[in-house]
Amino acid sequence: GHTDNAGGLEANMKLSQNRADAVMQALVRNHGIAASRLNAYGDGPYAPVASNDTEEGRSKNRRVELVKQ
């Protein structure tokens, strides 16, 4: 889970973890994926894909990524 850089770091870390947890729960509940195959991790604002200087960029940074391990 990721966030933009608006707000405090602690709040963004919690938000990104909650975002990752919600996606994981949806994958388990709605798509039958075994929870043991998934790991939710909140990365906060540390890996932006766009500039946080515009709303468009910030919206791209508020996301969840699935990474094959």
Protein backbone atom coordinates (compact mmCIF):
# COMPACT_ATOMS: atom_id res chain seq x y z
CA GLY A 1 0.00 0.00 0.00
CA HIS A 2 1.18 3.51 -0.83
CA THR A 3 0.15 7.08 -0.07
CA ASP A 4 0.97 10.56 -1.27
CA ASN A 5 3.06 12.80 0.99
CA ALA A 6 0.15 14.92 2.31
CA GLY A 7 -0.22 14.72 6.08
CA GLY A 8 2.10 13.31 8.69
CA LEU A 9 4.36 10.32 8.20
CA GLU A 10 2.78 8.26 10.99
CA ALA A 11 -0.72 8.78 9.58
CA ASN A 12 0.46 7.92 6.05
CA MET A 13 2.15 4.73 7.22
CA LYS A 14 -1.05 3.64 8.99
CA LEU A 15 -3.17 4.60 5.98
CA SER A 16 -0.96 2.66 3.58
CA GLN A 17 -1.07 -0.43 5.80
CA ASN A 18 -4.86 -0.16 6.09
CA ARG A 19 -5.10 0.20 2.31
CA ALA A 20 -2.97 -2.92 1.76
CA ASP A 21 -4.97 -4.86 4.38
CA ALA A 22 -8.27 -3.91 2.72
CA VAL A 23 -7.11 -5.12 -0.69
CA MET A 24 -5.81 -8.35 0.80
CA GLN A 25 -9.11 -8.96 2.59
CA ALA A 26 -11.04 -8.30 -0.64
CA LEU A 27 -8.86 -10.77 -2.56
CA VAL A 28 -9.48 -13.44 0.08
CA ARG A 29 -13.19 -12.74 0.53
CA ASN A 30 -14.26 -11.97 -3.03
CA HIS A 31 -11.83 -14.00 -5.11
CA GLY A 32 -11.08 -17.05 -2.98
CA ILE A 33 -7.33 -16.48 -2.74
CA ALA A 34 -5.81 -18.19 0.30
CA ALA A 35 -4.73 -15.63 2.89
CA SER A 36 -1.54 -17.62 3.46
CA ARG A 37 -0.45 -16.70 -0.09
CA LEU A 38 -0.66 -12.95 0.61
CA ASN A 39 1.22 -10.46 2.74
CA ALA A 40 -0.01 -6.88 3.20
CA TYR A 41 2.65 -4.21 3.65
CA GLY A 42 2.27 -0.45 3.98
CA ASP A 43 5.10 1.56 2.39
CA GLY A 44 3.58 4.99 2.99
CA PRO A 45 4.96 7.83 0.87
CA TYR A 46 8.39 6.22 0.29
CA ALA A 47 7.93 4.97 -3.29
CA PRO A 48 6.07 7.61 -5.32
CA VAL A 49 5.42 6.93 -9.01
CA ALA A 50 4.56 10.57 -9.75
CA SER A 51 5.25 14.03 -8.38
CA ASN A 52 3.37 15.00 -5.23
CA ASP A 53 3.31 18.62 -6.45
CA THR A 54 -0.06 18.22 -8.23
CA GLU A 55 -3.34 16.52 -7.38
CA GLU A 56 -2.95 14.29 -10.44
CA GLY A 57 0.44 13.11 -9.20
CA ARG A 58 -0.76 12.62 -5.64
CA SER A 59 -3.70 10.52 -6.87
CA LYS A 60 -1.28 8.23 -8.74
CA ASN A 61 0.72 7.75 -5.54
CA ARG A 62 -2.32 6.58 -3.56
CA ARG A 63 -2.31 2.98 -4.71
CA VAL A 64 -1.75 -0.69 -3.94
CA GLU A 65 0.69 -2.84 -5.89
CA LEU A 66 0.77 -6.62 -6.08
CA VAL A 67 4.34 -7.96 -6.10
CA LYS A 68 5.13 -11.57 -6.90
CA GLN A 69 7.60 -13.04 -4.39
